[in-house]
PDB file of N, CA and C in Angstrom:
ATOM      1  N   MET A   1      13.200  -3.436  11.740  1.00  0.00           N
ATOM      2  CA  MET A   1      12.014  -3.579  12.257  1.00  0.00           C
ATOM      3  C   MET A   1      11.122  -2.523  12.826  1.00  0.00           C
ATOM      4  N   GLU A   2      10.138  -1.977  12.450  1.00  0.00           N
ATOM      5  CA  GLU A   2       9.469  -0.900  13.025  1.00  0.00           C
ATOM      6  C   GLU A   2       8.324  -1.552  13.979  1.00  0.00           C
ATOM      7  N   TYR A   3       8.268  -1.042  15.047  1.00  0.00           N
ATOM      8  CA  TYR A   3       7.191  -1.411  16.239  1.00  0.00           C
ATOM      9  C   TYR A   3       6.436  -0.247  16.646  1.00  0.00           C
ATOM     10  N   THR A   4       4.885  -0.645  17.173  1.00  0.00           N
ATOM     11  CA  THR A   4       4.455   0.329  18.031  1.00  0.00           C
ATOM     12  C   THR A   4       4.053  -0.535  19.415  1.00  0.00           C
ATOM     13  N   TYR A   5       3.933  -0.151  20.363  1.00  0.00           N
ATOM     14  CA  TYR A   5       3.237  -0.570  21.283  1.00  0.00           C
ATOM     15  C   TYR A   5       2.230   0.302  22.102  1.00  0.00           C
ATOM     16  N   LYS A   6       1.372  -0.536  22.930  1.00  0.00           N
ATOM     17  CA  LYS A   6       0.316   0.311  23.483  1.00  0.00           C
ATOM     18  C   LYS A   6       0.678   0.269  24.699  1.00  0.00           C
ATOM     19  N   THR A   7       1.066   1.228  25.627  1.00  0.00           N
ATOM     20  CA  THR A   7       1.241   1.232  27.071  1.00  0.00           C
ATOM     21  C   THR A   7       0.208   0.918  27.769  1.00  0.00           C
ATOM     22  N   LYS A   8       0.512   0.577  29.180  1.00  0.00           N
ATOM     23  CA  LYS A   8      -0.412   0.138  30.049  1.00  0.00           C
ATOM     24  C   LYS A   8       0.120   0.612  31.209  1.00  0.00           C
ATOM     25  N   GLY A   9      -0.805   1.284  32.075  1.00  0.00           N
ATOM     26  CA  GLY A   9      -0.706   1.882  33.198  1.00  0.00           C
ATOM     27  C   GLY A   9       0.394   3.221  33.327  1.00  0.00           C
ATOM     28  N   THR A  10       0.436   4.192  32.054  1.00  0.00           N
ATOM     29  CA  THR A  10       1.428   5.170  32.059  1.00  0.00           C
ATOM     30  C   THR A  10       0.699   6.216  31.775  1.00  0.00           C
ATOM     31  N   CYS A  11       1.152   7.546  31.594  1.00  0.00           N
ATOM     32  CA  CYS A  11       0.425   8.958  31.033  1.00  0.00           C
ATOM     33  C   CYS A  11       0.565   8.761  29.284  1.00  0.00           C
ATOM     34  N   SER A  12       1.788   8.117  28.893  1.00  0.00           N
ATOM     35  CA  SER A  12       2.065   8.091  27.537  1.00  0.00           C
ATOM     36  C   SER A  12       1.015   6.762  27.313  1.00  0.00           C
ATOM     37  N   SER A  13       0.477   6.821  25.902  1.00  0.00           N
ATOM     38  CA  SER A  13      -0.366   5.719  25.419  1.00  0.00           C
ATOM     39  C   SER A  13       0.039   4.966  24.484  1.00  0.00           C
ATOM     40  N   GLN A  14       1.221   5.260  23.906  1.00  0.00           N
ATOM     41  CA  GLN A  14       2.010   4.531  22.973  1.00  0.00           C
ATOM     42  C   GLN A  14       3.451   4.727  22.942  1.00  0.00           C
ATOM     43  N   ILE A  15       4.108   4.070  22.331  1.00  0.00           N
ATOM     44  CA  ILE A  15       5.559   3.858  22.048  1.00  0.00           C
ATOM     45  C   ILE A  15       6.001   3.346  20.688  1.00  0.00           C
ATOM     46  N   SER A  16       6.536   3.969  19.713  1.00  0.00           N
ATOM     47  CA  SER A  16       6.948   3.667  18.389  1.00  0.00           C
ATOM     48  C   SER A  16       8.667   3.494  18.452  1.00  0.00           C
ATOM     49  N   PHE A  17       8.971   2.712  18.012  1.00  0.00           N
ATOM     50  CA  PHE A  17      10.655   2.560  17.795  1.00  0.00           C
ATOM     51  C   PHE A  17      11.069   1.425  16.592  1.00  0.00           C
ATOM     52  N   GLU A  18      12.303   1.635  16.172  1.00  0.00           N
ATOM     53  CA  GLU A  18      12.728   0.632  15.392  1.00  0.00           C
ATOM     54  C   GLU A  18      13.875  -0.270  15.912  1.00  0.00           C
ATOM     55  N   ILE A  19      13.985  -1.462  15.742  1.00  0.00           N
ATOM     56  CA  ILE A  19      15.049  -2.462  15.952  1.00  0.00           C
ATOM     57  C   ILE A  19      15.482  -2.851  14.638  1.00  0.00           C
ATOM     58  N   ARG A  20      16.925  -2.399  14.969  1.00  0.00           N
ATOM     59  CA  ARG A  20      18.002  -2.692  13.513  1.00  0.00           C
ATOM     60  C   ARG A  20      19.214  -3.277  14.233  1.00  0.00           C
ATOM     61  N   GLU A  21      19.148  -4.866  13.745  1.00  0.00           N
ATOM     62  CA  GLU A  21      20.303  -5.545  14.110  1.00  0.00           C
ATOM     63  C   GLU A  21      20.769  -5.375  15.770  1.00  0.00           C
ATOM     64  N   GLY A  22      19.621  -5.536  16.476  1.00  0.00           N
ATOM     65  CA  GLY A  22      19.505  -5.957  17.962  1.00  0.00           C
ATOM     66  C   GLY A  22      19.608  -4.503  18.612  1.00  0.00           C
ATOM     67  N   ARG A  23      19.637  -3.233  18.086  1.00  0.00           N
ATOM     68  CA  ARG A  23      19.955  -2.004  18.514  1.00  0.00           C
ATOM     69  C   ARG A  23      18.744  -1.036  18.352  1.00  0.00           C
ATOM     70  N   VAL A  24      18.330  -0.026  19.082  1.00  0.00           N
ATOM     71  CA  VAL A  24      17.049   0.451  19.070  1.00  0.00           C
ATOM     72  C   VAL A  24      17.400   1.770  18.782  1.00  0.00           C
ATOM     73  N   TYR A  25      16.160   2.337  17.773  1.00  0.00           N
ATOM     74  CA  TYR A  25      16.501   3.561  17.204  1.00  0.00           C
ATOM     75  C   TYR A  25      14.903   4.371  17.219  1.00  0.00           C
ATOM     76  N   ASN A  26      15.006   5.578  16.781  1.00  0.00           N
ATOM     77  CA  ASN A  26      14.053   6.407  16.601  1.00  0.00           C
ATOM     78  C   ASN A  26      12.743   5.889  17.601  1.00  0.00           C
ATOM     79  N   VAL A  27      12.870   6.039  18.876  1.00  0.00           N
ATOM     80  CA  VAL A  27      11.722   6.013  19.946  1.00  0.00           C
ATOM     81  C   VAL A  27      11.123   7.024  19.970  1.00  0.00           C
ATOM     82  N   LYS A  28       9.630   6.793  19.995  1.00  0.00           N
ATOM     83  CA  LYS A  28       8.809   8.121  20.102  1.00  0.00           C
ATOM     84  C   LYS A  28       7.966   7.837  21.158  1.00  0.00           C
ATOM     85  N   PHE A  29       7.465   8.658  22.017  1.00  0.00           N
ATOM     86  CA  PHE A  29       6.331   8.419  22.895  1.00  0.00           C
ATOM     87  C   PHE A  29       5.222   9.304  22.668  1.00  0.00           C
ATOM     88  N   LEU A  30       3.832   8.490  22.702  1.00  0.00           N
ATOM     89  CA  LEU A  30       2.900   9.435  22.646  1.00  0.00           C
ATOM     90  C   LEU A  30       2.328   9.849  23.852  1.00  0.00           C
ATOM     91  N   GLY A  31       2.134  10.926  24.167  1.00  0.00           N
ATOM     92  CA  GLY A  31       1.671  11.542  25.233  1.00  0.00           C
ATOM     93  C   GLY A  31       3.023  11.388  26.618  1.00  0.00           C
ATOM     94  N   GLY A  32       2.448  11.760  27.604  1.00  0.00           N
ATOM     95  CA  GLY A  32       3.520  11.539  28.568  1.00  0.00           C
ATOM     96  C   GLY A  32       4.156  12.840  29.204  1.00  0.00           C
ATOM     97  N   CYS A  33       5.006  12.736  29.571  1.00  0.00           N
ATOM     98  CA  CYS A  33       6.020  13.965  30.018  1.00  0.00           C
ATOM     99  C   CYS A  33       6.963  14.386  28.854  1.00  0.00           C
ATOM    100  N   ASN A  34       6.788  15.250  28.201  1.00  0.00           N
ATOM    101  CA  ASN A  34       7.495  15.616  26.925  1.00  0.00           C
ATOM    102  C   ASN A  34       9.231  15.492  26.934  1.00  0.00           C
ATOM    103  N   GLY A  35       9.360  16.233  27.798  1.00  0.00           N
ATOM    104  CA  GLY A  35      10.773  16.567  27.941  1.00  0.00           C
ATOM    105  C   GLY A  35      11.627  15.065  28.446  1.00  0.00           C
ATOM    106  N   ASN A  36      10.993  14.545  29.533  1.00  0.00           N
ATOM    107  CA  ASN A  36      11.687  13.482  30.025  1.00  0.00           C
ATOM    108  C   ASN A  36      11.384  12.615  28.952  1.00  0.00           C
ATOM    109  N   LEU A  37      10.851  12.251  28.380  1.00  0.00           N
ATOM    110  CA  LEU A  37      10.633  10.928  27.455  1.00  0.00           C
ATOM    111  C   LEU A  37      11.427  11.298  25.883  1.00  0.00           C
ATOM    112  N   LYS A  38      11.664  12.768  25.564  1.00  0.00           N
ATOM    113  CA  LYS A  38      12.462  12.931  24.523  1.00  0.00           C
ATOM    114  C   LYS A  38      13.828  12.653  25.313  1.00  0.00           C
ATOM    115  N   ALA A  39      14.254  12.763  26.519  1.00  0.00           N
ATOM    116  CA  ALA A  39      15.591  12.763  27.085  1.00  0.00           C
ATOM    117  C   ALA A  39      15.714  11.097  27.051  1.00  0.00           C
ATOM    118  N   VAL A  40      14.726  10.287  27.457  1.00  0.00           N
ATOM    119  CA  VAL A  40      14.793   8.533  27.764  1.00  0.00           C
ATOM    120  C   VAL A  40      15.223   8.357  25.890  1.00  0.00           C
ATOM    121  N   SER A  41      14.279   8.915  24.975  1.00  0.00           N
ATOM    122  CA  SER A  41      14.462   8.245  23.611  1.00  0.00           C
ATOM    123  C   SER A  41      15.949   8.768  23.136  1.00  0.00           C
ATOM    124  N   ALA A  42      16.351   9.867  23.415  1.00  0.00           N
ATOM    125  CA  ALA A  42      17.714  10.384  23.214  1.00  0.00           C
ATOM    126  C   ALA A  42      19.211   9.084  23.709  1.00  0.00           C
ATOM    127  N   LEU A  43      18.682   9.067  25.313  1.00  0.00           N
ATOM    128  CA  LEU A  43      19.855   8.300  25.866  1.00  0.00           C
ATOM    129  C   LEU A  43      19.646   6.810  25.721  1.00  0.00           C
ATOM    130  N   VAL A  44      18.649   6.180  24.872  1.00  0.00           N
ATOM    131  CA  VAL A  44      18.676   4.892  24.484  1.00  0.00           C
ATOM    132  C   VAL A  44      18.974   4.614  22.758  1.00  0.00           C
ATOM    133  N   GLU A  45      19.251   5.867  22.246  1.00  0.00           N
ATOM    134  CA  GLU A  45      19.231   5.739  20.682  1.00  0.00           C
ATOM    135  C   GLU A  45      20.632   4.928  20.492  1.00  0.00           C
ATOM    136  N   GLY A  46      20.533   3.741  19.841  1.00  0.00           N
ATOM    137  CA  GLY A  46      21.916   2.864  19.811  1.00  0.00           C
ATOM    138  C   GLY A  46      21.900   1.780  20.359  1.00  0.00           C
ATOM    139  N   LEU A  47      21.361   1.885  21.727  1.00  0.00           N
ATOM    140  CA  LEU A  47      21.658   0.591  22.373  1.00  0.00           C
ATOM    141  C   LEU A  47      21.122  -0.640  22.025  1.00  0.00           C
ATOM    142  N   THR A  48      21.531  -1.672  22.692  1.00  0.00           N
ATOM    143  CA  THR A  48      21.039  -2.891  22.399  1.00  0.00           C
ATOM    144  C   THR A  48      19.803  -3.123  23.266  1.00  0.00           C
ATOM    145  N   VAL A  49      18.776  -3.914  22.924  1.00  0.00           N
ATOM    146  CA  VAL A  49      17.660  -4.035  23.820  1.00  0.00           C
ATOM    147  C   VAL A  49      17.794  -4.483  25.129  1.00  0.00           C
ATOM    148  N   GLU A  50      18.801  -5.155  25.236  1.00  0.00           N
ATOM    149  CA  GLU A  50      19.422  -5.909  26.312  1.00  0.00           C
ATOM    150  C   GLU A  50      20.054  -4.741  27.176  1.00  0.00           C
ATOM    151  N   GLU A  51      20.695  -3.754  26.968  1.00  0.00           N
ATOM    152  CA  GLU A  51      21.164  -2.588  27.536  1.00  0.00           C
ATOM    153  C   GLU A  51      20.407  -1.777  28.024  1.00  0.00           C
ATOM    154  N   VAL A  52      19.321  -1.646  27.083  1.00  0.00           N
ATOM    155  CA  VAL A  52      18.118  -0.693  27.540  1.00  0.00           C
ATOM    156  C   VAL A  52      17.384  -1.384  28.649  1.00  0.00           C
ATOM    157  N   GLU A  53      16.692  -2.529  28.589  1.00  0.00           N
ATOM    158  CA  GLU A  53      16.475  -3.272  29.929  1.00  0.00           C
ATOM    159  C   GLU A  53      17.311  -3.048  30.860  1.00  0.00           C
ATOM    160  N   SER A  54      18.573  -3.387  30.980  1.00  0.00           N
ATOM    161  CA  SER A  54      19.266  -3.309  31.950  1.00  0.00           C
ATOM    162  C   SER A  54      19.314  -2.341  32.805  1.00  0.00           C
ATOM    163  N   ARG A  55      18.937  -1.083  31.738  1.00  0.00           N
ATOM    164  CA  ARG A  55      19.037  -0.037  32.723  1.00  0.00           C
ATOM    165  C   ARG A  55      17.633   0.730  33.159  1.00  0.00           C
ATOM    166  N   VAL A  56      16.625   0.373  32.469  1.00  0.00           N
ATOM    167  CA  VAL A  56      15.088   0.945  32.687  1.00  0.00           C
ATOM    168  C   VAL A  56      14.371  -0.248  33.087  1.00  0.00           C
ATOM    169  N   LYS A  57      14.283  -0.886  32.825  1.00  0.00           N
ATOM    170  CA  LYS A  57      13.256  -2.258  33.612  1.00  0.00           C
ATOM    171  C   LYS A  57      12.990  -2.482  35.062  1.00  0.00           C
ATOM    172  N   GLY A  58      11.710  -2.151  35.354  1.00  0.00           N
ATOM    173  CA  GLY A  58      11.509  -1.847  36.528  1.00  0.00           C
ATOM    174  C   GLY A  58      11.409  -0.674  37.388  1.00  0.00           C
ATOM    175  N   ILE A  59      11.840   0.291  36.621  1.00  0.00           N
ATOM    176  CA  ILE A  59      11.707   1.688  37.255  1.00  0.00           C
ATOM    177  C   ILE A  59       9.959   2.226  37.233  1.00  0.00           C
ATOM    178  N   ARG A  60      10.004   2.680  38.501  1.00  0.00           N
ATOM    179  CA  ARG A  60       8.471   3.270  38.768  1.00  0.00           C
ATOM    180  C   ARG A  60       8.031   4.350  38.607  1.00  0.00           C
ATOM    181  N   CYS A  61       6.987   4.740  38.411  1.00  0.00           N
ATOM    182  CA  CYS A  61       6.864   6.294  38.522  1.00  0.00           C
ATOM    183  C   CYS A  61       5.677   6.567  39.682  1.00  0.00           C
ATOM    184  N   GLY A  62       6.224   7.432  40.650  1.00  0.00           N
ATOM    185  CA  GLY A  62       5.474   7.686  41.550  1.00  0.00           C
ATOM    186  C   GLY A  62       4.953   6.251  42.496  1.00  0.00           C
ATOM    187  N   PHE A  63       3.619   6.003  42.636  1.00  0.00           N
ATOM    188  CA  PHE A  63       2.665   4.975  43.138  1.00  0.00           C
ATOM    189  C   PHE A  63       2.442   4.005  42.370  1.00  0.00           C
ATOM    190  N   LYS A  64       2.762   4.075  40.982  1.00  0.00           N
ATOM    191  CA  LYS A  64       2.290   3.059  39.837  1.00  0.00           C
ATOM    192  C   LYS A  64       3.515   2.111  40.029  1.00  0.00           C
ATOM    193  N   SER A  65       2.959   1.209  39.346  1.00  0.00           N
ATOM    194  CA  SER A  65       4.036  -0.389  39.534  1.00  0.00           C
ATOM    195  C   SER A  65       4.625  -0.183  38.254  1.00  0.00           C
ATOM    196  N   THR A  66       4.666   0.878  37.118  1.00  0.00           N
ATOM    197  CA  THR A  66       5.379   0.913  36.026  1.00  0.00           C
ATOM    198  C   THR A  66       5.521   2.327  35.646  1.00  0.00           C
ATOM    199  N   SER A  67       6.043   2.489  34.757  1.00  0.00           N
ATOM    200  CA  SER A  67       6.931   3.678  34.138  1.00  0.00           C
ATOM    201  C   SER A  67       6.644   4.127  32.755  1.00  0.00           C
ATOM    202  N   CYS A  68       7.354   5.114  31.999  1.00  0.00           N
ATOM    203  CA  CYS A  68       7.383   4.848  30.597  1.00  0.00           C
ATOM    204  C   CYS A  68       8.531   4.088  30.131  1.00  0.00           C
ATOM    205  N   SER A  69       9.598   4.301  30.965  1.00  0.00           N
ATOM    206  CA  SER A  69      10.761   3.831  30.457  1.00  0.00           C
ATOM    207  C   SER A  69      10.576   2.258  30.932  1.00  0.00           C
ATOM    208  N   ASP A  70      10.016   1.918  31.865  1.00  0.00           N
ATOM    209  CA  ASP A  70       9.787   0.326  32.210  1.00  0.00           C
ATOM    210  C   ASP A  70       8.600  -0.025  30.991  1.00  0.00           C
ATOM    211  N   GLN A  71       7.897   0.432  30.615  1.00  0.00           N
ATOM    212  CA  GLN A  71       7.038   0.042  29.706  1.00  0.00           C
ATOM    213  C   GLN A  71       7.855  -0.033  28.214  1.00  0.00           C
ATOM    214  N   LEU A  72       8.795   0.966  28.087  1.00  0.00           N
ATOM    215  CA  LEU A  72       9.682   0.726  26.748  1.00  0.00           C
ATOM    216  C   LEU A  72      10.628  -0.514  26.831  1.00  0.00           C
ATOM    217  N   ALA A  73      11.182  -0.861  27.908  1.00  0.00           N
ATOM    218  CA  ALA A  73      11.508  -2.213  28.089  1.00  0.00           C
ATOM    219  C   ALA A  73      11.110  -3.263  27.920  1.00  0.00           C
ATOM    220  N   THR A  74       9.576  -3.115  28.037  1.00  0.00           N
ATOM    221  CA  THR A  74       8.536  -4.390  27.907  1.00  0.00           C
ATOM    222  C   THR A  74       8.444  -4.066  26.534  1.00  0.00           C
ATOM    223  N   ALA A  75       8.154  -3.396  25.942  1.00  0.00           N
ATOM    224  CA  ALA A  75       7.735  -3.194  24.553  1.00  0.00           C
ATOM    225  C   ALA A  75       8.983  -3.662  23.493  1.00  0.00           C
ATOM    226  N   LEU A  76      10.271  -3.248  24.161  1.00  0.00           N
ATOM    227  CA  LEU A  76      11.584  -3.703  23.038  1.00  0.00           C
ATOM    228  C   LEU A  76      11.622  -5.074  23.008  1.00  0.00           C
ATOM    229  N   ARG A  77      11.386  -5.779  24.458  1.00  0.00           N
ATOM    230  CA  ARG A  77      11.398  -7.320  24.338  1.00  0.00           C
ATOM    231  C   ARG A  77      10.226  -8.109  24.001  1.00  0.00           C
ATOM    232  N   GLU A  78       9.429  -7.267  23.827  1.00  0.00           N
ATOM    233  CA  GLU A  78       8.298  -8.275  22.971  1.00  0.00           C
ATOM    234  C   GLU A  78       8.425  -7.966  21.699  1.00  0.00           C
ATOM    235  N   ALA A  79       8.761  -7.073  21.217  1.00  0.00           N
ATOM    236  CA  ALA A  79       9.342  -6.864  19.891  1.00  0.00           C
ATOM    237  C   ALA A  79      10.321  -7.938  19.272  1.00  0.00           C
ATOM    238  N   LEU A  80      11.222  -7.841  20.221  1.00  0.00           N
ATOM    239  CA  LEU A  80      12.505  -8.864  19.792  1.00  0.00           C
ATOM    240  C   LEU A  80      12.159  -9.857  19.847  1.00  0.00           C
ATOM    241  N   ASP A  81      11.175 -10.369  20.805  1.00  0.00           N
ATOM    242  CA  ASP A  81      10.852 -12.119  20.872  1.00  0.00           C
ATOM    243  C   ASP A  81       9.801 -12.211  19.891  1.00  0.00           C
ATOM    244  N   SER A  82       9.091 -11.380  19.239  1.00  0.00           N
ATOM    245  CA  SER A  82       8.226 -11.411  18.227  1.00  0.00           C
ATOM    246  C   SER A  82       8.829 -11.719  16.781  1.00  0.00           C
ATOM    247  N   ALA A  83       9.972 -11.208  16.817  1.00  0.00           N
ATOM    248  CA  ALA A  83      10.750 -11.404  15.562  1.00  0.00           C
ATOM    249  C   ALA A  83      11.446 -12.321  15.516  1.00  0.00           C
ATOM    250  N   ASN A  84      11.867 -12.890  16.533  1.00  0.00           N
ATOM    251  CA  ASN A  84      12.350 -14.334  16.708  1.00  0.00           C
ATOM    252  C   ASN A  84      11.470 -15.599  16.674  1.00  0.00           C
ATOM    253  N   GLU A  85      10.385 -15.176  16.694  1.00  0.00           N
ATOM    254  CA  GLU A  85       9.378 -16.422  16.612  1.00  0.00           C
ATOM    255  C   GLU A  85       9.326 -17.243  15.139  1.00  0.00           C
TER     256      GLU A  85
END
């Protein structure tokens, strides 16, 4: 399943990714800190949604209440939940 999520409260404006058999692939951020987000994408490749959530959910960026990685966790959960409806 391919999914695109419009972020809220971050420098990146969009995240696209695939979930296959509960695992995350091909994460791409639009905007944001290019090098850091490429690293996040590489580090979560092949992990389960739950593994990604446990590692990045709740991470904040500076004084913001969220971060690009936190938004990724939110997007993954939303995509997985919508697929199971």
